[in-house]
Amino acid sequence: MPRITFGFSLSGPRIQQDLLKEFALHRDVIASAGADHIIWVETNDSPVAMWEARATVRMFDDGATEIDGQP
């Protein structure tokens, strides 16, 4: 199945660490930390998987913004 990577700018380092731990529990999701409180989330390129990745980030950080580009 094709994959997609999303980037999110987060409110701080604590949220970044919490999300990395959370995504480690998700099947078929790979998350990695970027500089300046950015997290990269790779998941299946299906509407449900993309919605779940975005929803998970927003559950942890209402102020998260999705960014363009790739890691």
Protein backbone atom coordinates (compact mmCIF):
# COMPACT_ATOMS: atom_id res chain seq x y z
CA MET A 1 0.00 0.00 0.00
CA PRO A 2 1.32 3.50 -0.79
CA ARG A 3 2.58 5.62 2.09
CA ILE A 4 2.43 9.33 2.90
CA THR A 5 4.42 11.50 5.30
CA PHE A 6 2.98 14.45 7.19
CA GLY A 7 4.92 17.09 9.09
CA PHE A 8 3.56 18.97 12.07
CA SER A 9 4.96 21.95 13.93
CA LEU A 10 4.19 21.41 17.62
CA SER A 11 3.90 23.66 20.66
CA GLY A 12 6.93 22.25 22.44
CA PRO A 13 9.37 19.42 23.10
CA ARG A 14 7.20 17.66 25.69
CA ILE A 15 4.36 17.23 23.20
CA GLN A 16 6.83 15.98 20.60
CA GLN A 17 8.10 13.29 22.98
CA ASP A 18 4.56 12.32 24.03
CA LEU A 19 3.51 11.96 20.38
CA LEU A 20 6.55 9.85 19.53
CA LYS A 21 5.58 7.48 22.35
CA GLU A 22 1.94 7.45 21.24
CA PHE A 23 2.73 6.75 17.59
CA ALA A 24 5.04 3.91 18.63
CA LEU A 25 1.85 2.16 19.74
CA HIS A 26 0.13 2.62 16.37
CA ARG A 27 0.36 -0.17 13.85
CA ASP A 28 1.89 0.80 10.49
CA VAL A 29 2.87 4.30 11.65
CA ILE A 30 6.44 5.58 11.76
CA ALA A 31 7.05 8.85 13.59
CA SER A 32 10.32 10.73 13.88
CA ALA A 33 11.41 13.93 15.55
CA GLY A 34 12.58 16.93 13.59
CA ALA A 35 14.25 20.16 14.70
CA ASP A 36 12.27 22.96 16.33
CA HIS A 37 9.49 20.75 17.72
CA ILE A 38 8.53 19.17 14.41
CA ILE A 39 7.26 15.62 14.11
CA TRP A 40 7.15 13.61 10.89
CA VAL A 41 4.46 10.93 10.67
CA GLU A 42 4.51 8.27 7.96
CA THR A 43 1.38 6.21 7.47
CA ASN A 44 -0.66 4.40 4.83
CA ASP A 45 -2.03 6.61 2.09
CA SER A 46 -5.66 5.86 2.90
CA PRO A 47 -8.25 8.39 4.07
CA VAL A 48 -8.75 6.59 7.40
CA ALA A 49 -5.03 6.34 8.21
CA MET A 50 -4.42 9.97 7.26
CA TRP A 51 -7.38 11.14 9.37
CA GLU A 52 -6.14 9.06 12.34
CA ALA A 53 -2.63 10.56 12.14
CA ARG A 54 -3.97 14.12 12.01
CA ALA A 55 -6.51 13.47 14.79
CA THR A 56 -3.87 11.96 17.06
CA VAL A 57 -1.60 14.98 16.68
CA ARG A 58 -4.49 17.34 17.40
CA MET A 59 -5.52 15.34 20.51
CA PHE A 60 -2.11 16.08 21.97
CA ASP A 61 -1.67 19.62 20.64
CA ASP A 62 -4.55 21.90 19.65
CA GLY A 63 -1.99 24.41 18.39
CA ALA A 64 -0.22 21.99 16.02
CA THR A 65 0.03 23.11 12.43
CA GLU A 66 0.57 20.85 9.46
CA ILE A 67 3.58 21.83 7.40
CA ASP A 68 4.49 21.18 3.78
CA GLY A 69 7.53 19.24 2.76
CA GLN A 70 9.23 15.99 3.60
CA PRO A 71 11.78 15.09 6.26
